[in-house]
Amino acid sequence: MATLMSPVGAQELERFEPAARVGDLARKRVALIWNGKQNGEVALACVGERLRARFPQLTTRLVRIGYGIPKDQLEEIRSSFDAAVASTGD
């Protein structure tokens, strides 16, 4: 009998509680977080368009991240935006 081993090894993930809902999005700043997977930016562009159509004073910005979000980048996103939408693509 063969033994299957993962080449990745064990990973410990940090868990986060979901953020509280923002409420009215008028005049808010929304990060559109994309990890670089194919077509994720397309989905986020559509989400951004729909949000701006509903809330004309809303601003959005695509934010590219790598695998996971480094703590310094997470803090920058938290301090620069009121809300975020994330997509992984595929």
PDB file of N, CA and C in Angstrom:
ATOM      1  N   MET A   1       0.849  -1.182   0.000  1.00  0.00           N
ATOM      2  CA  MET A   1       0.000   0.000   0.000  1.00  0.00           C
ATOM      3  C   MET A   1       0.893   1.244   0.000  1.00  0.00           C
ATOM      4  N   ALA A   2       0.533   2.225  -0.806  1.00  0.00           N
ATOM      5  CA  ALA A   2       1.296   3.472  -0.920  1.00  0.00           C
ATOM      6  C   ALA A   2       0.794   4.493   0.096  1.00  0.00           C
ATOM      7  N   THR A   3       1.681   5.374   0.511  1.00  0.00           N
ATOM      8  CA  THR A   3       1.319   6.477   1.402  1.00  0.00           C
ATOM      9  C   THR A   3       1.367   7.762   0.597  1.00  0.00           C
ATOM     10  N   LEU A   4       0.319   8.557   0.658  1.00  0.00           N
ATOM     11  CA  LEU A   4       0.243   9.823  -0.058  1.00  0.00           C
ATOM     12  C   LEU A   4       0.701  10.940   0.864  1.00  0.00           C
ATOM     13  N   MET A   5       1.679  11.713   0.424  1.00  0.00           N
ATOM     14  CA  MET A   5       2.214  12.820   1.214  1.00  0.00           C
ATOM     15  C   MET A   5       1.982  14.124   0.456  1.00  0.00           C
ATOM     16  N   SER A   6       1.616  15.161   1.158  1.00  0.00           N
ATOM     17  CA  SER A   6       1.433  16.473   0.546  1.00  0.00           C
ATOM     18  C   SER A   6       2.782  17.181   0.435  1.00  0.00           C
ATOM     19  N   PRO A   7       3.126  17.691  -0.756  1.00  0.00           N
ATOM     20  CA  PRO A   7       4.387  18.421  -0.898  1.00  0.00           C
ATOM     21  C   PRO A   7       4.319  19.811  -0.267  1.00  0.00           C
ATOM     22  N   VAL A   8       3.124  20.255   0.055  1.00  0.00           N
ATOM     23  CA  VAL A   8       2.936  21.596   0.618  1.00  0.00           C
ATOM     24  C   VAL A   8       3.197  21.585   2.115  1.00  0.00           C
ATOM     25  N   GLY A   9       2.830  20.543   2.785  1.00  0.00           N
ATOM     26  CA  GLY A   9       2.990  20.482   4.233  1.00  0.00           C
ATOM     27  C   GLY A   9       1.823  21.158   4.937  1.00  0.00           C
ATOM     28  N   ALA A  10       1.848  21.095   6.227  1.00  0.00           N
ATOM     29  CA  ALA A  10       0.766  21.682   7.025  1.00  0.00           C
ATOM     30  C   ALA A  10       0.876  23.197   7.002  1.00  0.00           C
ATOM     31  N   GLN A  11      -0.270  23.844   6.935  1.00  0.00           N
ATOM     32  CA  GLN A  11      -0.323  25.308   6.974  1.00  0.00           C
ATOM     33  C   GLN A  11      -1.273  25.720   8.079  1.00  0.00           C
ATOM     34  N   GLU A  12      -0.887  26.727   8.793  1.00  0.00           N
ATOM     35  CA  GLU A  12      -1.762  27.266   9.823  1.00  0.00           C
ATOM     36  C   GLU A  12      -2.350  28.565   9.298  1.00  0.00           C
ATOM     37  N   LEU A  13      -3.659  28.645   9.281  1.00  0.00           N
ATOM     38  CA  LEU A  13      -4.343  29.826   8.762  1.00  0.00           C
ATOM     39  C   LEU A  13      -4.824  30.702   9.905  1.00  0.00           C
ATOM     40  N   GLU A  14      -4.707  31.998   9.697  1.00  0.00           N
ATOM     41  CA  GLU A  14      -5.234  32.945  10.674  1.00  0.00           C
ATOM     42  C   GLU A  14      -6.695  33.227  10.319  1.00  0.00           C
ATOM     43  N   ARG A  15      -7.565  33.107  11.277  1.00  0.00           N
ATOM     44  CA  ARG A  15      -8.998  33.320  11.052  1.00  0.00           C
ATOM     45  C   ARG A  15      -9.383  34.737  11.461  1.00  0.00           C
ATOM     46  N   PHE A  16     -10.323  35.321  10.715  1.00  0.00           N
ATOM     47  CA  PHE A  16     -10.817  36.657  10.997  1.00  0.00           C
ATOM     48  C   PHE A  16     -12.331  36.615  11.129  1.00  0.00           C
ATOM     49  N   GLU A  17     -12.854  37.388  12.017  1.00  0.00           N
ATOM     50  CA  GLU A  17     -14.298  37.553  12.117  1.00  0.00           C
ATOM     51  C   GLU A  17     -14.751  38.431  10.949  1.00  0.00           C
ATOM     52  N   PRO A  18     -15.933  38.166  10.381  1.00  0.00           N
ATOM     53  CA  PRO A  18     -16.427  39.035   9.314  1.00  0.00           C
ATOM     54  C   PRO A  18     -16.609  40.459   9.839  1.00  0.00           C
ATOM     55  N   ALA A  19     -16.342  41.410   8.972  1.00  0.00           N
ATOM     56  CA  ALA A  19     -16.507  42.815   9.347  1.00  0.00           C
ATOM     57  C   ALA A  19     -17.991  43.157   9.442  1.00  0.00           C
ATOM     58  N   ALA A  20     -18.295  44.145  10.241  1.00  0.00           N
ATOM     59  CA  ALA A  20     -19.670  44.635  10.339  1.00  0.00           C
ATOM     60  C   ALA A  20     -20.072  45.266   9.009  1.00  0.00           C
ATOM     61  N   ARG A  21     -21.333  45.168   8.670  1.00  0.00           N
ATOM     62  CA  ARG A  21     -21.812  45.785   7.424  1.00  0.00           C
ATOM     63  C   ARG A  21     -21.671  47.295   7.506  1.00  0.00           C
ATOM     64  N   VAL A  22     -21.340  47.898   6.378  1.00  0.00           N
ATOM     65  CA  VAL A  22     -21.095  49.336   6.311  1.00  0.00           C
ATOM     66  C   VAL A  22     -22.395  50.115   6.330  1.00  0.00           C
ATOM     67  N   GLY A  23     -23.463  49.564   5.792  1.00  0.00           N
ATOM     68  CA  GLY A  23     -24.725  50.296   5.687  1.00  0.00           C
ATOM     69  C   GLY A  23     -24.769  51.034   4.357  1.00  0.00           C
ATOM     70  N   ASP A  24     -25.187  52.272   4.380  1.00  0.00           N
ATOM     71  CA  ASP A  24     -25.277  53.077   3.163  1.00  0.00           C
ATOM     72  C   ASP A  24     -23.880  53.277   2.579  1.00  0.00           C
ATOM     73  N   LEU A  25     -23.724  53.006   1.300  1.00  0.00           N
ATOM     74  CA  LEU A  25     -22.419  53.122   0.655  1.00  0.00           C
ATOM     75  C   LEU A  25     -22.163  54.489   0.027  1.00  0.00           C
ATOM     76  N   ALA A  26     -23.090  55.419   0.154  1.00  0.00           N
ATOM     77  CA  ALA A  26     -22.883  56.752  -0.410  1.00  0.00           C
ATOM     78  C   ALA A  26     -21.611  57.357   0.184  1.00  0.00           C
ATOM     79  N   ARG A  27     -20.770  57.899  -0.678  1.00  0.00           N
ATOM     80  CA  ARG A  27     -19.521  58.565  -0.286  1.00  0.00           C
ATOM     81  C   ARG A  27     -18.504  57.639   0.382  1.00  0.00           C
ATOM     82  N   LYS A  28     -18.646  56.355   0.184  1.00  0.00           N
ATOM     83  CA  LYS A  28     -17.711  55.402   0.782  1.00  0.00           C
ATOM     84  C   LYS A  28     -16.620  55.032  -0.222  1.00  0.00           C
ATOM     85  N   ARG A  29     -15.534  54.459   0.301  1.00  0.00           N
ATOM     86  CA  ARG A  29     -14.409  53.968  -0.512  1.00  0.00           C
ATOM     87  C   ARG A  29     -14.390  52.451  -0.384  1.00  0.00           C
ATOM     88  N   VAL A  30     -14.424  51.760  -1.533  1.00  0.00           N
ATOM     89  CA  VAL A  30     -14.480  50.299  -1.530  1.00  0.00           C
ATOM     90  C   VAL A  30     -13.263  49.745  -2.266  1.00  0.00           C
ATOM     91  N   ALA A  31     -12.528  48.867  -1.590  1.00  0.00           N
ATOM     92  CA  ALA A  31     -11.406  48.159  -2.211  1.00  0.00           C
ATOM     93  C   ALA A  31     -11.953  46.939  -2.942  1.00  0.00           C
ATOM     94  N   LEU A  32     -11.521  46.756  -4.173  1.00  0.00           N
ATOM     95  CA  LEU A  32     -11.865  45.572  -4.954  1.00  0.00           C
ATOM     96  C   LEU A  32     -10.602  44.712  -4.950  1.00  0.00           C
ATOM     97  N   ILE A  33     -10.576  43.711  -4.079  1.00  0.00           N
ATOM     98  CA  ILE A  33      -9.359  42.953  -3.806  1.00  0.00           C
ATOM     99  C   ILE A  33      -9.256  41.739  -4.724  1.00  0.00           C
ATOM    100  N   TRP A  34      -8.146  41.710  -5.477  1.00  0.00           N
ATOM    101  CA  TRP A  34      -7.928  40.660  -6.472  1.00  0.00           C
ATOM    102  C   TRP A  34      -6.590  39.991  -6.213  1.00  0.00           C
ATOM    103  N   ASN A  35      -6.593  38.660  -6.151  1.00  0.00           N
ATOM    104  CA  ASN A  35      -5.357  37.939  -5.879  1.00  0.00           C
ATOM    105  C   ASN A  35      -4.621  37.504  -7.141  1.00  0.00           C
ATOM    106  N   GLY A  36      -5.024  38.002  -8.285  1.00  0.00           N
ATOM    107  CA  GLY A  36      -4.317  37.715  -9.530  1.00  0.00           C
ATOM    108  C   GLY A  36      -4.815  36.516 -10.301  1.00  0.00           C
ATOM    109  N   LYS A  37      -5.779  35.792  -9.753  1.00  0.00           N
ATOM    110  CA  LYS A  37      -6.301  34.641 -10.497  1.00  0.00           C
ATOM    111  C   LYS A  37      -7.074  35.128 -11.723  1.00  0.00           C
ATOM    112  N   GLN A  38      -6.999  34.321 -12.772  1.00  0.00           N
ATOM    113  CA  GLN A  38      -7.609  34.677 -14.045  1.00  0.00           C
ATOM    114  C   GLN A  38      -9.080  35.031 -13.893  1.00  0.00           C
ATOM    115  N   ASN A  39      -9.464  36.142 -14.478  1.00  0.00           N
ATOM    116  CA  ASN A  39     -10.836  36.655 -14.558  1.00  0.00           C
ATOM    117  C   ASN A  39     -11.382  37.218 -13.247  1.00  0.00           C
ATOM    118  N   GLY A  40     -10.616  37.164 -12.186  1.00  0.00           N
ATOM    119  CA  GLY A  40     -11.082  37.780 -10.942  1.00  0.00           C
ATOM    120  C   GLY A  40     -11.265  39.271 -11.092  1.00  0.00           C
ATOM    121  N   GLU A  41     -10.339  39.915 -11.826  1.00  0.00           N
ATOM    122  CA  GLU A  41     -10.449  41.362 -12.032  1.00  0.00           C
ATOM    123  C   GLU A  41     -11.653  41.722 -12.890  1.00  0.00           C
ATOM    124  N   VAL A  42     -12.057  40.813 -13.770  1.00  0.00           N
ATOM    125  CA  VAL A  42     -13.248  41.039 -14.600  1.00  0.00           C
ATOM    126  C   VAL A  42     -14.495  41.051 -13.713  1.00  0.00           C
ATOM    127  N   ALA A  43     -14.585  40.073 -12.833  1.00  0.00           N
ATOM    128  CA  ALA A  43     -15.722  40.013 -11.912  1.00  0.00           C
ATOM    129  C   ALA A  43     -15.754  41.245 -11.021  1.00  0.00           C
ATOM    130  N   LEU A  44     -14.594  41.650 -10.522  1.00  0.00           N
ATOM    131  CA  LEU A  44     -14.537  42.821  -9.637  1.00  0.00           C
ATOM    132  C   LEU A  44     -14.887  44.107 -10.377  1.00  0.00           C
ATOM    133  N   ALA A  45     -14.487  44.228 -11.637  1.00  0.00           N
ATOM    134  CA  ALA A  45     -14.856  45.409 -12.427  1.00  0.00           C
ATOM    135  C   ALA A  45     -16.371  45.498 -12.563  1.00  0.00           C
ATOM    136  N   CYS A  46     -17.028  44.366 -12.787  1.00  0.00           N
ATOM    137  CA  CYS A  46     -18.497  44.346 -12.879  1.00  0.00           C
ATOM    138  C   CYS A  46     -19.133  44.737 -11.554  1.00  0.00           C
ATOM    139  N   VAL A  47     -18.604  44.220 -10.459  1.00  0.00           N
ATOM    140  CA  VAL A  47     -19.122  44.577  -9.132  1.00  0.00           C
ATOM    141  C   VAL A  47     -18.956  46.076  -8.905  1.00  0.00           C
ATOM    142  N   GLY A  48     -17.781  46.607  -9.239  1.00  0.00           N
ATOM    143  CA  GLY A  48     -17.537  48.042  -9.078  1.00  0.00           C
ATOM    144  C   GLY A  48     -18.501  48.889  -9.889  1.00  0.00           C
ATOM    145  N   GLU A  49     -18.737  48.501 -11.143  1.00  0.00           N
ATOM    146  CA  GLU A  49     -19.693  49.231 -11.999  1.00  0.00           C
ATOM    147  C   GLU A  49     -21.088  49.227 -11.390  1.00  0.00           C
ATOM    148  N   ARG A  50     -21.528  48.067 -10.928  1.00  0.00           N
ATOM    149  CA  ARG A  50     -22.867  47.956 -10.346  1.00  0.00           C
ATOM    150  C   ARG A  50     -22.989  48.802  -9.076  1.00  0.00           C
ATOM    151  N   LEU A  51     -21.963  48.770  -8.244  1.00  0.00           N
ATOM    152  CA  LEU A  51     -21.999  49.565  -7.014  1.00  0.00           C
ATOM    153  C   LEU A  51     -22.031  51.056  -7.320  1.00  0.00           C
ATOM    154  N   ARG A  52     -21.191  51.505  -8.285  1.00  0.00           N
ATOM    155  CA  ARG A  52     -21.164  52.934  -8.623  1.00  0.00           C
ATOM    156  C   ARG A  52     -22.459  53.383  -9.287  1.00  0.00           C
ATOM    157  N   ALA A  53     -23.141  52.486  -9.993  1.00  0.00           N
ATOM    158  CA  ALA A  53     -24.440  52.834 -10.587  1.00  0.00           C
ATOM    159  C   ALA A  53     -25.477  53.070  -9.495  1.00  0.00           C
ATOM    160  N   ARG A  54     -25.396  52.277  -8.429  1.00  0.00           N
ATOM    161  CA  ARG A  54     -26.342  52.431  -7.302  1.00  0.00           C
ATOM    162  C   ARG A  54     -25.967  53.571  -6.381  1.00  0.00           C
ATOM    163  N   PHE A  55     -24.678  53.810  -6.238  1.00  0.00           N
ATOM    164  CA  PHE A  55     -24.168  54.832  -5.320  1.00  0.00           C
ATOM    165  C   PHE A  55     -23.172  55.706  -6.084  1.00  0.00           C
ATOM    166  N   PRO A  56     -23.664  56.724  -6.821  1.00  0.00           N
ATOM    167  CA  PRO A  56     -22.796  57.516  -7.695  1.00  0.00           C
ATOM    168  C   PRO A  56     -21.610  58.183  -6.994  1.00  0.00           C
ATOM    169  N   GLN A  57     -21.704  58.449  -5.718  1.00  0.00           N
ATOM    170  CA  GLN A  57     -20.602  59.103  -5.014  1.00  0.00           C
ATOM    171  C   GLN A  57     -19.615  58.097  -4.405  1.00  0.00           C
ATOM    172  N   LEU A  58     -19.833  56.831  -4.652  1.00  0.00           N
ATOM    173  CA  LEU A  58     -18.947  55.774  -4.180  1.00  0.00           C
ATOM    174  C   LEU A  58     -17.680  55.754  -5.034  1.00  0.00           C
ATOM    175  N   THR A  59     -16.538  55.481  -4.415  1.00  0.00           N
ATOM    176  CA  THR A  59     -15.306  55.286  -5.174  1.00  0.00           C
ATOM    177  C   THR A  59     -14.796  53.874  -4.950  1.00  0.00           C
ATOM    178  N   THR A  60     -14.226  53.297  -6.006  1.00  0.00           N
ATOM    179  CA  THR A  60     -13.663  51.955  -5.910  1.00  0.00           C
ATOM    180  C   THR A  60     -12.238  51.983  -6.444  1.00  0.00           C
ATOM    181  N   ARG A  61     -11.444  51.036  -5.983  1.00  0.00           N
ATOM    182  CA  ARG A  61     -10.087  50.879  -6.506  1.00  0.00           C
ATOM    183  C   ARG A  61      -9.703  49.407  -6.459  1.00  0.00           C
ATOM    184  N   LEU A  62      -9.157  48.922  -7.568  1.00  0.00           N
ATOM    185  CA  LEU A  62      -8.667  47.549  -7.617  1.00  0.00           C
ATOM    186  C   LEU A  62      -7.367  47.471  -6.821  1.00  0.00           C
ATOM    187  N   VAL A  63      -7.316  46.526  -5.891  1.00  0.00           N
ATOM    188  CA  VAL A  63      -6.126  46.311  -5.072  1.00  0.00           C
ATOM    189  C   VAL A  63      -5.625  44.897  -5.346  1.00  0.00           C
ATOM    190  N   ARG A  64      -4.413  44.775  -5.846  1.00  0.00           N
ATOM    191  CA  ARG A  64      -3.831  43.470  -6.168  1.00  0.00           C
ATOM    192  C   ARG A  64      -3.077  42.950  -4.951  1.00  0.00           C
ATOM    193  N   ILE A  65      -3.344  41.717  -4.595  1.00  0.00           N
ATOM    194  CA  ILE A  65      -2.640  41.082  -3.489  1.00  0.00           C
ATOM    195  C   ILE A  65      -1.989  39.804  -3.990  1.00  0.00           C
ATOM    196  N   GLY A  66      -1.054  39.279  -3.243  1.00  0.00           N
ATOM    197  CA  GLY A  66      -0.455  37.987  -3.549  1.00  0.00           C
ATOM    198  C   GLY A  66      -1.203  36.906  -2.795  1.00  0.00           C
ATOM    199  N   TYR A  67      -0.537  35.784  -2.579  1.00  0.00           N
ATOM    200  CA  TYR A  67      -1.150  34.693  -1.817  1.00  0.00           C
ATOM    201  C   TYR A  67      -1.315  35.148  -0.378  1.00  0.00           C
ATOM    202  N   GLY A  68      -2.555  35.223   0.066  1.00  0.00           N
ATOM    203  CA  GLY A  68      -2.812  35.758   1.401  1.00  0.00           C
ATOM    204  C   GLY A  68      -2.651  37.270   1.377  1.00  0.00           C
ATOM    205  N   ILE A  69      -2.849  37.888   2.487  1.00  0.00           N
ATOM    206  CA  ILE A  69      -2.658  39.336   2.583  1.00  0.00           C
ATOM    207  C   ILE A  69      -1.640  39.589   3.684  1.00  0.00           C
ATOM    208  N   PRO A  70      -0.459  40.114   3.334  1.00  0.00           N
ATOM    209  CA  PRO A  70       0.500  40.450   4.379  1.00  0.00           C
ATOM    210  C   PRO A  70      -0.113  41.450   5.364  1.00  0.00           C
ATOM    211  N   LYS A  71       0.258  41.350   6.634  1.00  0.00           N
ATOM    212  CA  LYS A  71      -0.361  42.189   7.657  1.00  0.00           C
ATOM    213  C   LYS A  71      -0.228  43.674   7.358  1.00  0.00           C
ATOM    214  N   ASP A  72       0.910  44.113   6.813  1.00  0.00           N
ATOM    215  CA  ASP A  72       1.066  45.537   6.519  1.00  0.00           C
ATOM    216  C   ASP A  72       0.118  45.981   5.410  1.00  0.00           C
ATOM    217  N   GLN A  73      -0.089  45.120   4.404  1.00  0.00           N
ATOM    218  CA  GLN A  73      -1.025  45.452   3.328  1.00  0.00           C
ATOM    219  C   GLN A  73      -2.463  45.422   3.848  1.00  0.00           C
ATOM    220  N   LEU A  74      -2.782  44.483   4.719  1.00  0.00           N
ATOM    221  CA  LEU A  74      -4.111  44.422   5.312  1.00  0.00           C
ATOM    222  C   LEU A  74      -4.399  45.696   6.100  1.00  0.00           C
ATOM    223  N   GLU A  75      -3.438  46.155   6.871  1.00  0.00           N
ATOM    224  CA  GLU A  75      -3.627  47.387   7.644  1.00  0.00           C
ATOM    225  C   GLU A  75      -3.801  48.596   6.735  1.00  0.00           C
ATOM    226  N   GLU A  76      -3.061  48.630   5.622  1.00  0.00           N
ATOM    227  CA  GLU A  76      -3.211  49.729   4.667  1.00  0.00           C
ATOM    228  C   GLU A  76      -4.615  49.729   4.057  1.00  0.00           C
ATOM    229  N   ILE A  77      -5.123  48.553   3.713  1.00  0.00           N
ATOM    230  CA  ILE A  77      -6.475  48.441   3.153  1.00  0.00           C
ATOM    231  C   ILE A  77      -7.494  48.893   4.201  1.00  0.00           C
ATOM    232  N   ARG A  78      -7.345  48.426   5.432  1.00  0.00           N
ATOM    233  CA  ARG A  78      -8.280  48.806   6.500  1.00  0.00           C
ATOM    234  C   ARG A  78      -8.313  50.311   6.721  1.00  0.00           C
ATOM    235  N   SER A  79      -7.154  50.948   6.659  1.00  0.00           N
ATOM    236  CA  SER A  79      -7.105  52.386   6.941  1.00  0.00           C
ATOM    237  C   SER A  79      -7.509  53.239   5.737  1.00  0.00           C
ATOM    238  N   SER A  80      -7.452  52.689   4.525  1.00  0.00           N
ATOM    239  CA  SER A  80      -7.725  53.466   3.317  1.00  0.00           C
ATOM    240  C   SER A  80      -9.137  53.298   2.764  1.00  0.00           C
ATOM    241  N   PHE A  81      -9.848  52.249   3.200  1.00  0.00           N
ATOM    242  CA  PHE A  81     -11.153  51.945   2.618  1.00  0.00           C
ATOM    243  C   PHE A  81     -12.191  51.723   3.709  1.00  0.00           C
ATOM    244  N   ASP A  82     -13.453  51.958   3.324  1.00  0.00           N
ATOM    245  CA  ASP A  82     -14.569  51.726   4.242  1.00  0.00           C
ATOM    246  C   ASP A  82     -15.086  50.293   4.150  1.00  0.00           C
ATOM    247  N   ALA A  83     -14.875  49.665   2.998  1.00  0.00           N
ATOM    248  CA  ALA A  83     -15.375  48.311   2.765  1.00  0.00           C
ATOM    249  C   ALA A  83     -14.516  47.658   1.687  1.00  0.00           C
ATOM    250  N   ALA A  84     -14.658  46.344   1.546  1.00  0.00           N
ATOM    251  CA  ALA A  84     -13.902  45.620   0.533  1.00  0.00           C
ATOM    252  C   ALA A  84     -14.740  44.493  -0.030  1.00  0.00           C
ATOM    253  N   VAL A  85     -14.484  44.203  -1.324  1.00  0.00           N
ATOM    254  CA  VAL A  85     -15.058  43.049  -2.001  1.00  0.00           C
ATOM    255  C   VAL A  85     -13.874  42.282  -2.558  1.00  0.00           C
ATOM    256  N   ALA A  86     -13.823  40.974  -2.316  1.00  0.00           N
ATOM    257  CA  ALA A  86     -12.698  40.175  -2.783  1.00  0.00           C
ATOM    258  C   ALA A  86     -13.173  39.100  -3.763  1.00  0.00           C
ATOM    259  N   SER A  87     -12.303  38.780  -4.712  1.00  0.00           N
ATOM    260  CA  SER A  87     -12.589  37.736  -5.683  1.00  0.00           C
ATOM    261  C   SER A  87     -11.333  36.916  -5.890  1.00  0.00           C
ATOM    262  N   THR A  88     -11.510  35.613  -6.125  1.00  0.00           N
ATOM    263  CA  THR A  88     -10.355  34.770  -6.398  1.00  0.00           C
ATOM    264  C   THR A  88     -10.299  34.314  -7.843  1.00  0.00           C
ATOM    265  N   GLY A  89     -11.299  34.576  -8.640  1.00  0.00           N
ATOM    266  CA  GLY A  89     -11.271  34.240 -10.056  1.00  0.00           C
ATOM    267  C   GLY A  89     -11.513  32.774 -10.350  1.00  0.00           C
ATOM    268  N   ASP A  90     -11.073  32.377 -11.557  1.00  0.00           N
ATOM    269  CA  ASP A  90     -11.272  31.019 -12.065  1.00  0.00           C
ATOM    270  C   ASP A  90     -12.737  30.805 -12.230  1.00  0.00           C
TER     271      ASP A  90
END
